[in-house]
Protein backbone atom coordinates (compact mmCIF):
# COMPACT_ATOMS: atom_id res chain seq x y z
CA MET A 1 245.88 94.18 64.70
CA PRO A 2 246.79 96.83 67.54
CA ARG A 3 250.50 96.69 68.69
CA LEU A 4 250.00 96.17 72.78
CA GLY A 5 252.61 97.30 75.04
CA ALA A 6 253.94 98.49 78.20
CA HIS A 7 255.77 101.49 79.95
CA VAL A 8 258.52 99.92 81.04
CA SER A 9 261.42 101.07 83.32
CA ILE A 10 265.20 101.75 81.93
CA ALA A 11 266.54 100.89 85.51
CA GLY A 12 270.31 99.70 84.51
CA GLY A 13 270.06 101.17 81.31
CA LEU A 14 268.34 101.54 78.39
CA PRO A 15 268.94 98.64 76.56
CA LEU A 16 267.49 96.23 79.63
CA ALA A 17 264.14 98.24 78.84
CA VAL A 18 264.17 96.23 75.62
CA GLU A 19 264.64 93.41 77.53
CA ARG A 20 261.27 93.58 80.00
CA ALA A 21 259.69 94.63 76.30
CA ALA A 22 260.48 91.33 75.02
CA LEU A 23 259.99 89.49 78.29
CA HIS A 24 256.14 90.82 78.48
CA ARG A 25 255.96 89.98 74.47
CA CYS A 26 255.41 93.57 73.35
CA GLU A 27 254.67 94.75 70.24
CA ALA A 28 255.18 98.15 71.15
CA PHE A 29 256.45 100.25 74.25
CA GLN A 30 257.24 102.93 76.18
CA ILE A 31 260.35 104.61 78.61
CA PHE A 32 261.09 107.81 80.15
CA SER A 33 264.49 108.56 78.28
CA LYS A 34 265.68 110.38 81.60
CA SER A 35 263.74 110.69 84.92
CA ALA A 36 260.35 112.27 84.99
CA ASN A 37 260.75 113.92 88.18
CA GLN A 38 263.66 115.95 88.02
CA TRP A 39 265.21 118.85 85.26
CA ARG A 40 268.52 117.00 84.91
CA ALA A 41 269.13 114.09 82.83
CA ARG A 42 272.38 112.58 82.33
CA PRO A 43 274.33 112.26 79.26
CA LEU A 44 273.47 109.15 77.10
CA PRO A 45 276.38 107.28 76.33
CA ALA A 46 277.27 106.31 72.32
CA ASP A 47 277.90 102.86 73.40
CA GLU A 48 274.15 102.68 75.58
CA ILE A 49 272.44 104.61 72.45
CA VAL A 50 273.58 101.62 69.21
CA ALA A 51 272.82 98.87 71.83
CA PHE A 52 269.21 99.97 72.94
CA ARG A 53 268.67 100.58 68.81
CA ARG A 54 270.56 97.45 67.85
CA ARG A 55 268.06 95.11 70.67
CA VAL A 56 265.01 97.28 69.30
CA ASP A 57 266.12 95.82 65.83
CA GLU A 58 266.43 92.56 66.88
CA THR A 59 263.42 92.42 68.72
CA GLY A 60 261.21 94.16 65.94
CA ILE A 61 259.41 95.75 69.10
CA GLN A 62 258.40 99.48 66.70
CA PRO A 63 257.16 101.77 67.49
CA VAL A 64 259.21 102.67 70.47
CA VAL A 65 258.02 106.32 72.30
CA ALA A 66 258.81 108.97 75.07
CA HIS A 67 256.90 109.99 77.93
CA ALA A 68 258.25 113.32 78.16
CA SER A 69 259.36 114.56 82.07
CA TYR A 70 256.23 115.81 84.79
CA LEU A 71 257.99 118.94 85.13
CA ILE A 72 257.29 120.55 82.14
CA ASN A 73 254.79 123.23 81.73
CA LEU A 74 254.59 124.74 78.09
CA ALA A 75 251.89 126.80 79.09
CA ALA A 76 253.67 128.91 81.55
CA GLY A 77 254.16 132.36 80.46
CA ALA A 78 257.38 134.09 80.64
CA SER A 79 259.51 133.07 83.87
CA PRO A 80 262.62 130.75 84.90
CA LEU A 81 259.56 127.81 84.67
CA ARG A 82 258.85 128.75 80.94
CA ASP A 83 262.31 128.71 79.70
CA ARG A 84 263.31 125.43 81.84
CA SER A 85 260.55 123.80 80.27
CA ILE A 86 261.43 124.64 76.81
CA ALA A 87 264.76 123.26 77.30
CA SER A 88 263.73 120.35 78.66
CA PHE A 89 261.31 119.59 75.82
CA GLY A 90 264.12 119.96 73.04
CA GLU A 91 266.12 117.94 75.66
CA GLU A 92 263.21 115.11 75.05
CA LEU A 93 263.35 115.24 71.72
CA ASP A 94 266.62 115.35 70.74
CA ARG A 95 267.71 112.30 73.51
CA ALA A 96 264.34 110.37 71.44
CA GLU A 97 265.53 111.52 68.13
CA ALA A 98 269.56 109.36 69.05
CA LEU A 99 266.96 106.88 69.87
CA GLY A 100 265.37 106.64 66.78
CA LEU A 101 261.88 106.85 68.93
CA MET A 102 258.38 107.71 67.10
CA GLY A 103 257.98 110.57 69.56
CA VAL A 104 257.66 111.89 72.85
CA VAL A 105 254.06 111.93 74.86
CA ILE A 106 253.56 114.95 76.52
CA HIS A 107 250.77 116.46 78.50
CA PRO A 108 249.82 120.05 77.18
CA GLY A 109 250.67 122.03 80.03
CA ALA A 110 248.45 124.21 82.86
CA PHE A 111 247.80 127.32 82.45
CA VAL A 112 249.11 129.50 85.32
CA THR A 113 247.66 133.19 84.78
CA GLY A 114 245.56 134.40 82.55
CA SER A 115 242.95 132.49 80.48
CA GLU A 116 242.94 128.72 78.41
CA ASP A 117 243.44 130.43 75.13
CA ASP A 118 246.56 132.33 76.52
CA GLY A 119 247.70 128.80 77.60
CA LEU A 120 247.24 127.16 74.41
CA ARG A 121 249.23 130.17 72.54
CA LEU A 122 251.73 129.61 74.77
CA ILE A 123 251.97 125.91 74.08
CA ALA A 124 251.57 126.52 70.35
CA SER A 125 254.08 128.75 70.44
CA ALA A 126 256.98 126.56 72.50
CA ILE A 127 256.41 123.48 70.00
CA ALA A 128 256.40 125.36 67.02
CA ALA A 129 259.72 127.24 68.16
CA THR A 130 261.07 124.01 69.62
CA LEU A 131 260.56 122.09 65.56
CA LYS A 132 262.16 125.21 64.14
CA THR A 133 265.94 124.72 65.72
CA ARG A 134 265.28 120.68 64.76
CA ARG A 135 264.60 120.83 61.31
CA ARG A 136 265.32 117.42 60.27
CA GLY A 137 264.49 115.58 63.00
CA ARG A 138 261.93 112.90 62.47
CA THR A 139 260.88 112.43 66.05
CA LEU A 140 257.31 113.29 66.82
CA VAL A 141 256.02 115.26 69.74
CA LEU A 142 252.94 113.33 70.52
CA LEU A 143 250.36 115.70 72.55
CA GLU A 144 248.40 113.97 75.29
CA GLY A 145 244.83 114.66 75.65
CA THR A 146 244.28 114.74 79.79
CA ALA A 147 241.81 114.56 82.56
CA GLY A 148 241.73 118.42 82.89
CA GLN A 149 242.38 118.39 86.41
CA GLY A 150 242.59 122.20 87.95
CA THR A 151 243.80 124.14 84.71
CA SER A 152 245.40 121.67 82.83
CA LEU A 153 245.05 121.93 79.15
CA GLY A 154 244.39 119.29 76.50
CA TYR A 155 240.75 117.62 78.11
CA ARG A 156 239.17 118.96 74.50
CA PHE A 157 239.41 117.94 71.62
CA GLU A 158 239.11 121.66 70.76
CA HIS A 159 242.31 122.32 72.33
CA LEU A 160 244.41 119.80 70.59
CA ALA A 161 242.91 121.13 67.41
CA ASP A 162 243.71 124.62 68.32
CA ILE A 163 247.58 123.98 68.85
CA LEU A 164 247.87 121.77 65.83
CA THR A 165 246.14 125.11 64.00
CA ARG A 166 248.53 127.50 65.75
CA VAL A 167 251.81 125.22 64.23
CA ASP A 168 250.55 125.55 60.99
CA GLY A 169 249.14 121.85 60.94
CA SER A 170 253.12 120.57 61.15
CA PRO A 171 252.83 116.90 60.20
CA ARG A 172 255.29 116.01 62.81
CA VAL A 173 252.52 116.71 66.10
CA GLY A 174 250.55 114.10 66.78
CA VAL A 175 248.03 113.41 69.27
CA CYS A 176 248.25 110.63 72.08
CA LEU A 177 245.01 109.61 73.51
CA ASP A 178 244.53 107.87 77.04
CA THR A 179 241.55 105.89 77.96
CA CYS A 180 241.18 106.25 82.11
CA HIS A 181 241.68 110.44 80.51
CA LEU A 182 238.95 110.29 77.91
CA LEU A 183 236.29 109.34 80.76
CA ALA A 184 237.68 111.66 83.25
CA ALA A 185 237.55 114.66 81.20
CA GLY A 186 234.09 113.71 80.58
CA PHE A 187 233.71 111.43 76.89
CA ASP A 188 231.23 108.62 77.76
CA ILE A 189 233.24 105.79 76.25
CA CYS A 190 231.79 103.14 77.93
CA SER A 191 228.26 102.66 75.88
CA GLU A 192 228.56 101.94 72.54
CA GLY A 193 226.63 105.02 71.53
CA GLY A 194 229.35 107.04 73.55
CA TYR A 195 231.93 105.14 72.13
CA ARG A 196 230.72 106.13 68.65
CA ARG A 197 230.08 109.80 69.32
CA THR A 198 233.36 109.89 70.98
CA PHE A 199 235.74 109.45 68.32
CA ARG A 200 233.54 110.71 65.33
CA ALA A 201 233.98 114.07 67.60
CA PHE A 202 237.65 113.25 67.46
CA ASP A 203 237.79 112.70 63.64
CA ARG A 204 236.01 115.81 62.99
CA ILE A 205 237.65 118.31 65.27
CA VAL A 206 241.09 116.93 65.37
CA GLY A 207 241.06 114.02 62.50
CA ILE A 208 241.75 110.52 63.08
CA ASP A 209 244.91 111.04 61.02
CA ARG A 210 246.31 112.88 63.87
CA LEU A 211 246.25 109.87 66.39
CA LYS A 212 249.31 108.01 66.59
CA VAL A 213 249.23 106.29 69.93
CA PHE A 214 246.84 105.08 72.61
CA HIS A 215 247.34 104.88 76.38
CA LEU A 216 244.98 101.99 77.71
CA ASN A 217 244.23 102.35 81.24
CA ASP A 218 241.24 101.80 83.59
CA SER A 219 240.00 104.64 85.64
CA LYS A 220 239.44 104.62 89.43
CA ARG A 221 237.14 107.91 88.80
CA PRO A 222 233.84 107.98 87.08
CA CYS A 223 233.10 109.91 83.81
CA GLN A 224 233.59 113.75 84.28
CA SER A 225 235.54 113.26 87.62
CA ARG A 226 238.49 115.46 85.69
CA ILE A 227 240.69 113.43 87.96
CA ASP A 228 243.48 111.30 86.82
CA ARG A 229 243.61 107.89 88.50
CA HIS A 230 244.84 104.79 86.53
CA GLU A 231 243.56 101.65 87.46
CA HIS A 232 243.91 98.01 86.01
CA ILE A 233 241.97 96.69 83.01
CA GLY A 234 238.18 96.04 83.73
CA LYS A 235 238.71 96.89 87.24
CA GLY A 236 237.76 100.22 87.20
CA CYS A 237 235.14 102.50 86.11
CA ILE A 238 235.67 101.84 82.12
CA GLY A 239 235.09 98.36 82.21
CA LEU A 240 236.52 95.58 79.54
CA GLU A 241 233.48 95.89 76.50
CA PRO A 242 235.26 99.71 75.36
CA PHE A 243 238.88 98.10 75.88
CA SER A 244 237.13 95.28 73.07
CA ARG A 245 235.65 97.85 71.22
CA LEU A 246 238.60 99.78 70.66
CA LEU A 247 241.04 96.83 70.31
CA ASN A 248 239.26 95.61 67.69
CA ASP A 249 237.91 98.94 66.23
CA ARG A 250 239.67 98.80 62.06
CA ARG A 251 240.14 102.18 62.44
CA PHE A 252 243.30 101.73 64.81
CA LYS A 253 244.46 98.23 63.99
CA SER A 254 248.22 99.52 63.55
CA LEU A 255 248.17 101.51 66.28
CA PRO A 256 250.47 100.90 69.52
CA MET A 257 248.11 100.53 72.37
CA LEU A 258 250.71 100.71 75.40
CA ILE A 259 249.42 100.53 79.14
CA GLU A 260 250.26 102.83 82.06
CA THR A 261 248.61 100.33 84.79
CA PRO A 262 249.65 100.13 88.51
CA LYS A 263 252.72 98.16 88.94
CA THR A 264 253.86 95.42 91.45
CA GLU A 265 254.87 97.19 94.22
CA GLY A 266 258.80 96.81 95.38
CA ARG A 267 261.87 98.44 93.79
CA TRP A 268 263.89 95.44 91.75
CA GLY A 269 266.56 97.73 90.33
CA SER A 270 268.21 96.93 87.25
CA ARG A 271 266.68 93.14 87.24
CA VAL A 272 265.04 91.98 84.14
CA GLN A 273 262.11 90.24 85.56
CA ALA A 274 258.22 89.74 84.52
CA ASP A 275 255.57 92.20 86.48
CA PRO A 276 252.83 89.98 87.28
CA LEU A 277 250.86 92.80 86.89
CA ASP A 278 251.75 93.86 83.16
CA GLU A 279 251.16 90.80 82.79
CA MET A 280 247.85 90.20 84.04
CA ASN A 281 246.81 93.40 81.97
CA LEU A 282 248.44 92.85 78.98
CA GLY A 283 246.47 89.05 79.23
CA ILE A 284 243.21 90.54 79.76
CA LEU A 285 243.63 92.67 76.48
CA ARG A 286 244.97 89.84 74.42
CA SER A 287 241.79 87.41 75.29
CA LEU A 288 239.47 90.41 74.12
CA MET A 289 241.10 90.59 70.68
CA GLY A 290 239.93 89.48 67.37
């Protein structure tokens, strides 16, 4: 069966993220290894890295992925933003490598000037250059399909395939699909026929073997809205049936499927405490399995 999990907080230190994942009975999980909305990252202390990796091994919660900062835009042309984005992207990979993570999920980027093709070329060149200087690394780059807001790239399977082609099909580049983004981008995953057509197209254009992670989120907005707004499982425009299909699809039986649904409001600091909304969403998904 798929490995269900959630995006969990690193408040109080990275090892506490493992405890939160364990408390929610996660079989895989996602973190930010640094603040998602800041360029600066605190250095990772050696003892924190050791403690994190030890607890992951002890709990057996695998795989673990990081989500890259939202500030990174690899589609930006020559500018301070591009320089900073590439440097931050490299740092995200280095931190994930130190923590022993499977991969780093990253939004491909949004072109600022020029065309979609120009943006895709810039994304691919940034990824290729970053991986070239980290030849011994094992952490994957996981391109996340997007909802297609504004000039964001990655909302078409052809965009993802184009980037993969431009990095010479590197085995270190995979794909993350988000159910909310798929619907918003115009893929009808709600009907049985639409579901079949969506993944048949993905396999033909990108390849199922490139799919490494799912984000399971319902959508506040309807199909082809091009607006990325996550909703609780079964409470949005996707509904329960498509999640049941996905969870029981033998093609995806061993993949991590992680929720990024809304959290309970309020700052809990460094406490390790169950989030009732995460428990609700994970419980619904578990009830649909098998």
